[in-house]
Amino acid sequence: MLDIGWIEIMVIAVVALFVVGPKEIPKALKTIGIWVGKLRSLSREFQSTVEDAVRDSELDEVKKQIESAKTGFKKEINESVDPEGELTGMLKGVDDNSENLSNKKSSKSTSAWPLPLSEKKDKEQKKESLARSDKATEGKENKEEKSADSSNS
């Protein structure tokens, strides 16, 4: 890394012994250790930031590749299934006809699909009509019971 050998380290230690003094060397080594630790943490943080930036740029590239493959795949499927666009044209015509019919007949909706699109609405309407008929029959039964009770008395 810095290409410092044992001889250079010995020279630095001897110079530090004369400059700092024997009493102050432990404090100086502690201070040097703290600074080295701070430098290492800063270098780790910088390295992780650079790696995150690289990952983000790679992810953007991968996303772009996936999107381009996705559109290419859709085009290939459309070209292989319906190369001349006949099916698409026929389905558009059926949808247009169903819209015209639904405008004319507002009570019932028609669709090009085998199942009605408003199946939930149909079920809810059937439930409501059944509930109404049940209430009506209960009301009639109650009236008949009351009239039978009053005639018996």
N, C-alpha and C. Protein backbone atom coordinates (compact mmCIF):
# COMPACT_ATOMS: atom_id res chain seq x y z
N MET A 1 0.83 -1.18 0.00
CA MET A 1 0.00 0.00 0.00
C MET A 1 0.88 1.26 0.00
N LEU A 2 1.47 1.59 1.12
CA LEU A 2 2.36 2.74 1.15
C LEU A 2 3.81 2.33 0.97
N ASP A 3 4.05 1.04 0.94
CA ASP A 3 5.39 0.49 0.72
C ASP A 3 6.37 0.93 1.81
N ILE A 4 5.92 0.80 3.07
CA ILE A 4 6.78 1.13 4.22
C ILE A 4 7.26 -0.20 4.81
N GLY A 5 8.56 -0.34 4.95
CA GLY A 5 9.13 -1.56 5.52
C GLY A 5 9.39 -1.38 7.00
N TRP A 6 9.96 -2.46 7.61
CA TRP A 6 10.24 -2.43 9.04
C TRP A 6 11.30 -1.40 9.39
N ILE A 7 12.23 -1.20 8.55
CA ILE A 7 13.29 -0.23 8.84
C ILE A 7 12.71 1.18 8.91
N GLU A 8 11.82 1.55 8.01
CA GLU A 8 11.20 2.87 8.03
C GLU A 8 10.35 3.06 9.29
N ILE A 9 9.65 2.00 9.70
CA ILE A 9 8.83 2.09 10.91
C ILE A 9 9.73 2.31 12.13
N MET A 10 10.88 1.63 12.21
CA MET A 10 11.82 1.81 13.32
C MET A 10 12.35 3.24 13.36
N VAL A 11 12.65 3.81 12.21
CA VAL A 11 13.16 5.18 12.16
C VAL A 11 12.08 6.14 12.65
N ILE A 12 10.83 5.95 12.24
CA ILE A 12 9.74 6.82 12.67
C ILE A 12 9.54 6.69 14.18
N ALA A 13 9.64 5.47 14.73
CA ALA A 13 9.46 5.26 16.16
C ALA A 13 10.55 5.96 16.96
N VAL A 14 11.79 5.90 16.51
CA VAL A 14 12.91 6.55 17.21
C VAL A 14 12.74 8.06 17.17
N VAL A 15 12.36 8.61 16.02
CA VAL A 15 12.16 10.05 15.90
C VAL A 15 11.00 10.47 16.80
N ALA A 16 9.92 9.71 16.84
CA ALA A 16 8.77 10.02 17.69
C ALA A 16 9.17 9.98 19.16
N LEU A 17 10.05 9.03 19.55
CA LEU A 17 10.52 8.94 20.93
C LEU A 17 11.27 10.20 21.34
N PHE A 18 12.10 10.72 20.47
CA PHE A 18 12.85 11.93 20.79
C PHE A 18 11.96 13.18 20.74
N VAL A 19 11.04 13.26 19.78
CA VAL A 19 10.23 14.46 19.62
C VAL A 19 9.14 14.52 20.69
N VAL A 20 8.41 13.45 20.89
CA VAL A 20 7.27 13.46 21.80
C VAL A 20 7.72 13.20 23.23
N GLY A 21 8.63 12.35 23.40
CA GLY A 21 9.08 12.00 24.75
C GLY A 21 8.44 10.70 25.20
N PRO A 22 9.14 10.00 26.12
CA PRO A 22 8.66 8.69 26.54
C PRO A 22 7.33 8.75 27.31
N LYS A 23 7.07 9.84 28.03
CA LYS A 23 5.84 9.93 28.80
C LYS A 23 4.60 10.16 27.92
N GLU A 24 4.76 10.83 26.85
CA GLU A 24 3.63 11.22 26.00
C GLU A 24 3.38 10.25 24.84
N ILE A 25 4.19 9.22 24.65
CA ILE A 25 4.03 8.29 23.53
C ILE A 25 2.69 7.53 23.62
N PRO A 26 2.25 7.01 24.79
CA PRO A 26 0.94 6.32 24.81
C PRO A 26 -0.22 7.22 24.37
N LYS A 27 -0.22 8.48 24.82
CA LYS A 27 -1.27 9.42 24.41
C LYS A 27 -1.21 9.68 22.91
N ALA A 28 0.00 9.83 22.38
CA ALA A 28 0.17 10.08 20.96
C ALA A 28 -0.30 8.88 20.14
N LEU A 29 0.04 7.65 20.58
CA LEU A 29 -0.40 6.45 19.87
C LEU A 29 -1.93 6.31 19.92
N LYS A 30 -2.52 6.67 21.08
CA LYS A 30 -3.97 6.62 21.18
C LYS A 30 -4.62 7.60 20.21
N THR A 31 -4.08 8.81 20.12
CA THR A 31 -4.60 9.82 19.21
C THR A 31 -4.45 9.36 17.76
N ILE A 32 -3.30 8.77 17.45
CA ILE A 32 -3.07 8.27 16.09
C ILE A 32 -4.06 7.15 15.78
N GLY A 33 -4.32 6.27 16.74
CA GLY A 33 -5.28 5.18 16.54
C GLY A 33 -6.69 5.70 16.29
N ILE A 34 -7.08 6.75 17.02
CA ILE A 34 -8.41 7.35 16.81
C ILE A 34 -8.51 7.93 15.41
N TRP A 35 -7.48 8.63 14.97
CA TRP A 35 -7.50 9.23 13.63
C TRP A 35 -7.52 8.16 12.54
N VAL A 36 -6.76 7.10 12.75
CA VAL A 36 -6.76 6.01 11.77
C VAL A 36 -8.15 5.36 11.69
N GLY A 37 -8.79 5.17 12.84
CA GLY A 37 -10.14 4.62 12.86
C GLY A 37 -11.14 5.51 12.12
N LYS A 38 -11.03 6.83 12.34
CA LYS A 38 -11.92 7.76 11.64
C LYS A 38 -11.68 7.71 10.13
N LEU A 39 -10.41 7.64 9.73
CA LEU A 39 -10.11 7.56 8.30
C LEU A 39 -10.67 6.28 7.69
N ARG A 40 -10.56 5.17 8.42
CA ARG A 40 -11.10 3.90 7.91
C ARG A 40 -12.62 3.98 7.78
N SER A 41 -13.31 4.56 8.78
CA SER A 41 -14.77 4.65 8.69
C SER A 41 -15.20 5.55 7.53
N LEU A 42 -14.46 6.65 7.33
CA LEU A 42 -14.78 7.52 6.20
C LEU A 42 -14.55 6.82 4.87
N SER A 43 -13.48 6.04 4.78
CA SER A 43 -13.22 5.33 3.53
C SER A 43 -14.28 4.26 3.28
N ARG A 44 -14.74 3.56 4.36
CA ARG A 44 -15.81 2.57 4.20
C ARG A 44 -17.10 3.23 3.75
N GLU A 45 -17.42 4.37 4.34
CA GLU A 45 -18.64 5.09 3.97
C GLU A 45 -18.59 5.55 2.52
N PHE A 46 -17.44 6.08 2.11
CA PHE A 46 -17.27 6.53 0.73
C PHE A 46 -17.40 5.34 -0.24
N GLN A 47 -16.79 4.24 0.13
CA GLN A 47 -16.83 3.06 -0.73
C GLN A 47 -18.26 2.53 -0.85
N SER A 48 -19.01 2.50 0.25
CA SER A 48 -20.39 2.01 0.19
C SER A 48 -21.26 2.95 -0.64
N THR A 49 -21.01 4.26 -0.55
CA THR A 49 -21.77 5.22 -1.35
C THR A 49 -21.51 5.01 -2.84
N VAL A 50 -20.27 4.80 -3.18
CA VAL A 50 -19.92 4.56 -4.59
C VAL A 50 -20.55 3.26 -5.08
N GLU A 51 -20.52 2.21 -4.25
CA GLU A 51 -21.11 0.94 -4.64
C GLU A 51 -22.63 1.06 -4.81
N ASP A 52 -23.29 1.83 -3.94
CA ASP A 52 -24.74 2.06 -4.07
C ASP A 52 -25.06 2.79 -5.37
N ALA A 53 -24.25 3.78 -5.71
CA ALA A 53 -24.47 4.52 -6.95
C ALA A 53 -24.32 3.60 -8.16
N VAL A 54 -23.32 2.74 -8.11
CA VAL A 54 -23.10 1.79 -9.20
C VAL A 54 -24.29 0.83 -9.31
N ARG A 55 -24.78 0.32 -8.17
CA ARG A 55 -25.92 -0.58 -8.18
C ARG A 55 -27.16 0.10 -8.74
N ASP A 56 -27.38 1.36 -8.32
CA ASP A 56 -28.55 2.09 -8.81
C ASP A 56 -28.49 2.28 -10.32
N SER A 57 -27.32 2.64 -10.82
CA SER A 57 -27.20 2.83 -12.27
C SER A 57 -27.38 1.52 -13.01
N GLU A 58 -26.90 0.42 -12.42
CA GLU A 58 -27.09 -0.88 -13.05
C GLU A 58 -28.56 -1.28 -13.02
N LEU A 59 -29.26 -0.97 -11.92
CA LEU A 59 -30.68 -1.30 -11.82
C LEU A 59 -31.49 -0.53 -12.86
N ASP A 60 -31.16 0.72 -13.06
CA ASP A 60 -31.85 1.50 -14.08
C ASP A 60 -31.66 0.88 -15.46
N GLU A 61 -30.44 0.45 -15.73
CA GLU A 61 -30.18 -0.18 -17.02
C GLU A 61 -30.96 -1.49 -17.17
N VAL A 62 -31.00 -2.27 -16.08
CA VAL A 62 -31.72 -3.53 -16.12
C VAL A 62 -33.22 -3.28 -16.32
N LYS A 63 -33.77 -2.27 -15.64
CA LYS A 63 -35.18 -1.93 -15.81
C LYS A 63 -35.47 -1.56 -17.25
N LYS A 64 -34.60 -0.77 -17.85
CA LYS A 64 -34.80 -0.38 -19.25
C LYS A 64 -34.75 -1.60 -20.17
N GLN A 65 -33.84 -2.51 -19.89
CA GLN A 65 -33.75 -3.72 -20.71
C GLN A 65 -35.00 -4.58 -20.57
N ILE A 66 -35.52 -4.67 -19.35
CA ILE A 66 -36.74 -5.47 -19.13
C ILE A 66 -37.91 -4.84 -19.86
N GLU A 67 -38.06 -3.53 -19.76
CA GLU A 67 -39.16 -2.85 -20.45
C GLU A 67 -39.07 -3.03 -21.96
N SER A 68 -37.85 -2.90 -22.51
CA SER A 68 -37.71 -3.07 -23.95
C SER A 68 -38.01 -4.51 -24.36
N ALA A 69 -37.59 -5.47 -23.54
CA ALA A 69 -37.89 -6.87 -23.84
C ALA A 69 -39.39 -7.13 -23.75
N LYS A 70 -40.04 -6.48 -22.78
CA LYS A 70 -41.47 -6.66 -22.59
C LYS A 70 -42.26 -6.16 -23.80
N THR A 71 -41.92 -4.97 -24.27
CA THR A 71 -42.62 -4.44 -25.44
C THR A 71 -42.31 -5.26 -26.68
N GLY A 72 -41.07 -5.70 -26.81
CA GLY A 72 -40.71 -6.55 -27.93
C GLY A 72 -41.45 -7.87 -27.90
N PHE A 73 -41.64 -8.43 -26.70
CA PHE A 73 -42.37 -9.68 -26.55
C PHE A 73 -43.83 -9.51 -26.94
N LYS A 74 -44.44 -8.40 -26.51
CA LYS A 74 -45.84 -8.14 -26.87
C LYS A 74 -45.99 -8.01 -28.38
N LYS A 75 -45.05 -7.31 -29.00
CA LYS A 75 -45.11 -7.15 -30.45
C LYS A 75 -44.99 -8.50 -31.15
N GLU A 76 -44.06 -9.32 -30.68
CA GLU A 76 -43.87 -10.64 -31.30
C GLU A 76 -45.11 -11.50 -31.16
N ILE A 77 -45.72 -11.47 -29.98
CA ILE A 77 -46.94 -12.27 -29.77
C ILE A 77 -48.05 -11.77 -30.69
N ASN A 78 -48.24 -10.47 -30.76
CA ASN A 78 -49.28 -9.92 -31.63
C ASN A 78 -49.03 -10.27 -33.09
N GLU A 79 -47.77 -10.20 -33.50
CA GLU A 79 -47.44 -10.53 -34.88
C GLU A 79 -47.62 -12.01 -35.18
N SER A 80 -47.32 -12.87 -34.20
CA SER A 80 -47.43 -14.30 -34.46
C SER A 80 -48.88 -14.78 -34.38
N VAL A 81 -49.67 -14.20 -33.49
CA VAL A 81 -51.06 -14.63 -33.34
C VAL A 81 -51.95 -13.97 -34.38
N ASP A 82 -51.80 -12.68 -34.55
CA ASP A 82 -52.68 -11.91 -35.43
C ASP A 82 -51.82 -10.98 -36.30
N PRO A 83 -51.11 -11.54 -37.28
CA PRO A 83 -50.18 -10.71 -38.05
C PRO A 83 -50.86 -9.63 -38.89
N GLU A 84 -52.07 -9.88 -39.36
CA GLU A 84 -52.73 -8.91 -40.23
C GLU A 84 -53.72 -8.04 -39.47
N GLY A 85 -53.94 -8.31 -38.19
CA GLY A 85 -54.84 -7.51 -37.38
C GLY A 85 -56.31 -7.82 -37.59
N GLU A 86 -56.61 -8.99 -38.15
CA GLU A 86 -58.00 -9.35 -38.42
C GLU A 86 -58.78 -9.57 -37.13
N LEU A 87 -58.18 -10.31 -36.20
CA LEU A 87 -58.87 -10.61 -34.95
C LEU A 87 -59.13 -9.34 -34.14
N THR A 88 -58.16 -8.48 -34.12
CA THR A 88 -58.32 -7.24 -33.38
C THR A 88 -59.44 -6.41 -33.98
N GLY A 89 -59.51 -6.36 -35.29
CA GLY A 89 -60.58 -5.61 -35.95
C GLY A 89 -61.95 -6.21 -35.68
N MET A 90 -62.02 -7.54 -35.69
CA MET A 90 -63.30 -8.19 -35.42
C MET A 90 -63.75 -7.94 -33.99
N LEU A 91 -62.83 -8.02 -33.05
CA LEU A 91 -63.20 -7.79 -31.65
C LEU A 91 -63.61 -6.35 -31.42
N LYS A 92 -62.97 -5.42 -32.09
CA LYS A 92 -63.36 -4.02 -31.95
C LYS A 92 -64.78 -3.83 -32.49
N GLY A 93 -65.10 -4.48 -33.57
CA GLY A 93 -66.44 -4.38 -34.14
C GLY A 93 -67.48 -4.98 -33.21
N VAL A 94 -67.17 -6.07 -32.56
CA VAL A 94 -68.10 -6.71 -31.63
C VAL A 94 -68.33 -5.81 -30.43
N ASP A 95 -67.28 -5.22 -29.92
CA ASP A 95 -67.43 -4.31 -28.78
C ASP A 95 -68.27 -3.10 -29.16
N ASP A 96 -68.07 -2.58 -30.36
CA ASP A 96 -68.86 -1.43 -30.81
C ASP A 96 -70.33 -1.80 -30.92
N ASN A 97 -70.62 -3.01 -31.47
CA ASN A 97 -72.01 -3.46 -31.58
C ASN A 97 -72.65 -3.64 -30.22
N SER A 98 -71.89 -4.17 -29.26
CA SER A 98 -72.45 -4.38 -27.93
C SER A 98 -72.75 -3.05 -27.26
N GLU A 99 -71.94 -2.04 -27.50
CA GLU A 99 -72.20 -0.71 -26.93
C GLU A 99 -73.48 -0.13 -27.54
N ASN A 100 -73.67 -0.31 -28.85
CA ASN A 100 -74.88 0.20 -29.50
C ASN A 100 -76.12 -0.50 -28.95
N LEU A 101 -76.03 -1.81 -28.78
CA LEU A 101 -77.16 -2.55 -28.25
C LEU A 101 -77.46 -2.16 -26.82
N SER A 102 -76.44 -1.94 -26.03
CA SER A 102 -76.67 -1.57 -24.64
C SER A 102 -77.28 -0.18 -24.55
N ASN A 103 -76.97 0.70 -25.49
CA ASN A 103 -77.60 2.02 -25.49
C ASN A 103 -79.08 1.91 -25.86
N LYS A 104 -79.42 0.99 -26.77
CA LYS A 104 -80.81 0.82 -27.18
C LYS A 104 -81.62 0.13 -26.09
N LYS A 105 -81.03 -0.89 -25.49
CA LYS A 105 -81.73 -1.64 -24.44
C LYS A 105 -81.04 -1.32 -23.12
N SER A 106 -81.55 -0.34 -22.42
CA SER A 106 -80.90 0.06 -21.18
C SER A 106 -81.21 -0.88 -20.04
N SER A 107 -82.27 -1.69 -20.14
CA SER A 107 -82.62 -2.58 -19.04
C SER A 107 -81.66 -3.75 -18.93
N LYS A 108 -81.18 -4.26 -20.06
CA LYS A 108 -80.25 -5.38 -20.04
C LYS A 108 -79.00 -4.99 -20.81
N SER A 109 -77.85 -5.33 -20.18
CA SER A 109 -76.60 -5.04 -20.86
C SER A 109 -76.14 -6.26 -21.61
N THR A 110 -75.70 -6.07 -22.84
CA THR A 110 -75.19 -7.17 -23.64
C THR A 110 -73.70 -6.96 -23.83
N SER A 111 -73.01 -8.04 -24.07
CA SER A 111 -71.58 -7.96 -24.22
C SER A 111 -71.13 -9.00 -25.22
N ALA A 112 -69.93 -8.82 -25.74
CA ALA A 112 -69.38 -9.78 -26.68
C ALA A 112 -68.85 -11.00 -25.94
N TRP A 113 -68.72 -10.89 -24.63
CA TRP A 113 -68.18 -11.98 -23.84
C TRP A 113 -69.29 -12.95 -23.49
N PRO A 114 -68.95 -14.22 -23.27
CA PRO A 114 -69.98 -15.20 -22.96
C PRO A 114 -70.65 -14.94 -21.61
N LEU A 115 -69.95 -14.37 -20.65
CA LEU A 115 -70.54 -14.05 -19.36
C LEU A 115 -70.88 -12.57 -19.33
N PRO A 116 -71.98 -12.22 -18.68
CA PRO A 116 -72.32 -10.79 -18.60
C PRO A 116 -71.28 -10.05 -17.77
N LEU A 117 -70.97 -8.84 -18.21
CA LEU A 117 -69.99 -8.04 -17.50
C LEU A 117 -70.53 -7.52 -16.17
N SER A 118 -71.83 -7.34 -16.09
CA SER A 118 -72.42 -6.82 -14.87
C SER A 118 -73.08 -7.95 -14.08
N GLU A 119 -72.36 -9.04 -13.90
CA GLU A 119 -72.89 -10.21 -13.23
C GLU A 119 -73.20 -9.91 -11.77
N LYS A 120 -72.38 -9.10 -11.12
CA LYS A 120 -72.62 -8.75 -9.73
C LYS A 120 -73.92 -7.96 -9.59
N LYS A 121 -74.16 -7.03 -10.50
CA LYS A 121 -75.38 -6.24 -10.45
C LYS A 121 -76.60 -7.13 -10.63
N ASP A 122 -76.50 -8.09 -11.56
CA ASP A 122 -77.62 -9.00 -11.80
C ASP A 122 -77.91 -9.82 -10.54
N LYS A 123 -76.87 -10.31 -9.88
CA LYS A 123 -77.06 -11.10 -8.67
C LYS A 123 -77.70 -10.25 -7.57
N GLU A 124 -77.22 -9.00 -7.42
CA GLU A 124 -77.78 -8.12 -6.39
C GLU A 124 -79.25 -7.84 -6.66
N GLN A 125 -79.62 -7.63 -7.93
CA GLN A 125 -81.01 -7.35 -8.28
C GLN A 125 -81.88 -8.58 -7.98
N LYS A 126 -81.37 -9.76 -8.26
CA LYS A 126 -82.12 -10.98 -7.99
C LYS A 126 -82.34 -11.14 -6.48
N LYS A 127 -81.29 -10.87 -5.69
CA LYS A 127 -81.41 -10.98 -4.24
C LYS A 127 -82.45 -9.99 -3.71
N GLU A 128 -82.42 -8.77 -4.22
CA GLU A 128 -83.38 -7.76 -3.78
C GLU A 128 -84.81 -8.17 -4.13
N SER A 129 -85.01 -8.69 -5.33
CA SER A 129 -86.36 -9.09 -5.73
C SER A 129 -86.84 -10.28 -4.91
N LEU A 130 -85.94 -11.22 -4.58
CA LEU A 130 -86.31 -12.34 -3.72
C LEU A 130 -86.67 -11.87 -2.32
N ALA A 131 -85.89 -10.92 -1.82
CA ALA A 131 -86.18 -10.39 -0.48
C ALA A 131 -87.53 -9.69 -0.47
N ARG A 132 -87.83 -8.95 -1.52
CA ARG A 132 -89.13 -8.26 -1.61
C ARG A 132 -90.28 -9.26 -1.66
N SER A 133 -90.10 -10.31 -2.45
CA SER A 133 -91.18 -11.31 -2.56
C SER A 133 -91.34 -12.06 -1.24
N ASP A 134 -90.25 -12.34 -0.54
CA ASP A 134 -90.33 -13.00 0.77
C ASP A 134 -91.09 -12.12 1.76
N LYS A 135 -90.79 -10.82 1.76
CA LYS A 135 -91.47 -9.89 2.67
C LYS A 135 -92.95 -9.80 2.32
N ALA A 136 -93.26 -9.82 1.06
CA ALA A 136 -94.66 -9.74 0.64
C ALA A 136 -95.43 -10.98 1.06
N THR A 137 -94.84 -12.14 0.90
CA THR A 137 -95.53 -13.38 1.30
C THR A 137 -95.68 -13.45 2.81
N GLU A 138 -94.66 -12.95 3.55
CA GLU A 138 -94.77 -12.92 5.01
C GLU A 138 -95.90 -11.99 5.44
N GLY A 139 -96.00 -10.86 4.79
CA GLY A 139 -97.06 -9.90 5.10
C GLY A 139 -98.44 -10.50 4.84
N LYS A 140 -98.59 -11.22 3.72
CA LYS A 140 -99.87 -11.85 3.40
C LYS A 140 -100.22 -12.91 4.43
N GLU A 141 -99.21 -13.71 4.83
CA GLU A 141 -99.45 -14.76 5.82
C GLU A 141 -99.87 -14.15 7.15
N ASN A 142 -99.21 -13.05 7.54
CA ASN A 142 -99.57 -12.38 8.80
C ASN A 142 -101.00 -11.86 8.75
N LYS A 143 -101.39 -11.27 7.62
CA LYS A 143 -102.76 -10.75 7.47
C LYS A 143 -103.77 -11.88 7.54
N GLU A 144 -103.45 -13.02 6.89
CA GLU A 144 -104.37 -14.16 6.91
C GLU A 144 -104.52 -14.71 8.32
N GLU A 145 -103.41 -14.78 9.08
CA GLU A 145 -103.47 -15.29 10.45
C GLU A 145 -104.30 -14.36 11.32
N LYS A 146 -104.11 -13.05 11.15
CA LYS A 146 -104.88 -12.08 11.94
C LYS A 146 -106.37 -12.16 11.62
N SER A 147 -106.68 -12.31 10.32
CA SER A 147 -108.09 -12.41 9.95
C SER A 147 -108.69 -13.71 10.44
N ALA A 148 -107.91 -14.78 10.45
CA ALA A 148 -108.40 -16.08 10.96
C ALA A 148 -108.61 -16.00 12.46
N ASP A 149 -107.74 -15.32 13.18
CA ASP A 149 -107.87 -15.16 14.62
C ASP A 149 -109.10 -14.32 14.97
N SER A 150 -109.31 -13.26 14.21
CA SER A 150 -110.46 -12.39 14.49
C SER A 150 -111.77 -13.07 14.16
N SER A 151 -111.81 -13.92 13.14
CA SER A 151 -113.04 -14.64 12.79
C SER A 151 -113.34 -15.74 13.80
N ASN A 152 -112.31 -16.34 14.38
CA ASN A 152 -112.50 -17.39 15.37
C ASN A 152 -112.99 -16.83 16.70
N SER A 153 -112.71 -15.62 16.99
CA SER A 153 -113.09 -15.05 18.27
C SER A 153 -114.51 -14.65 18.33
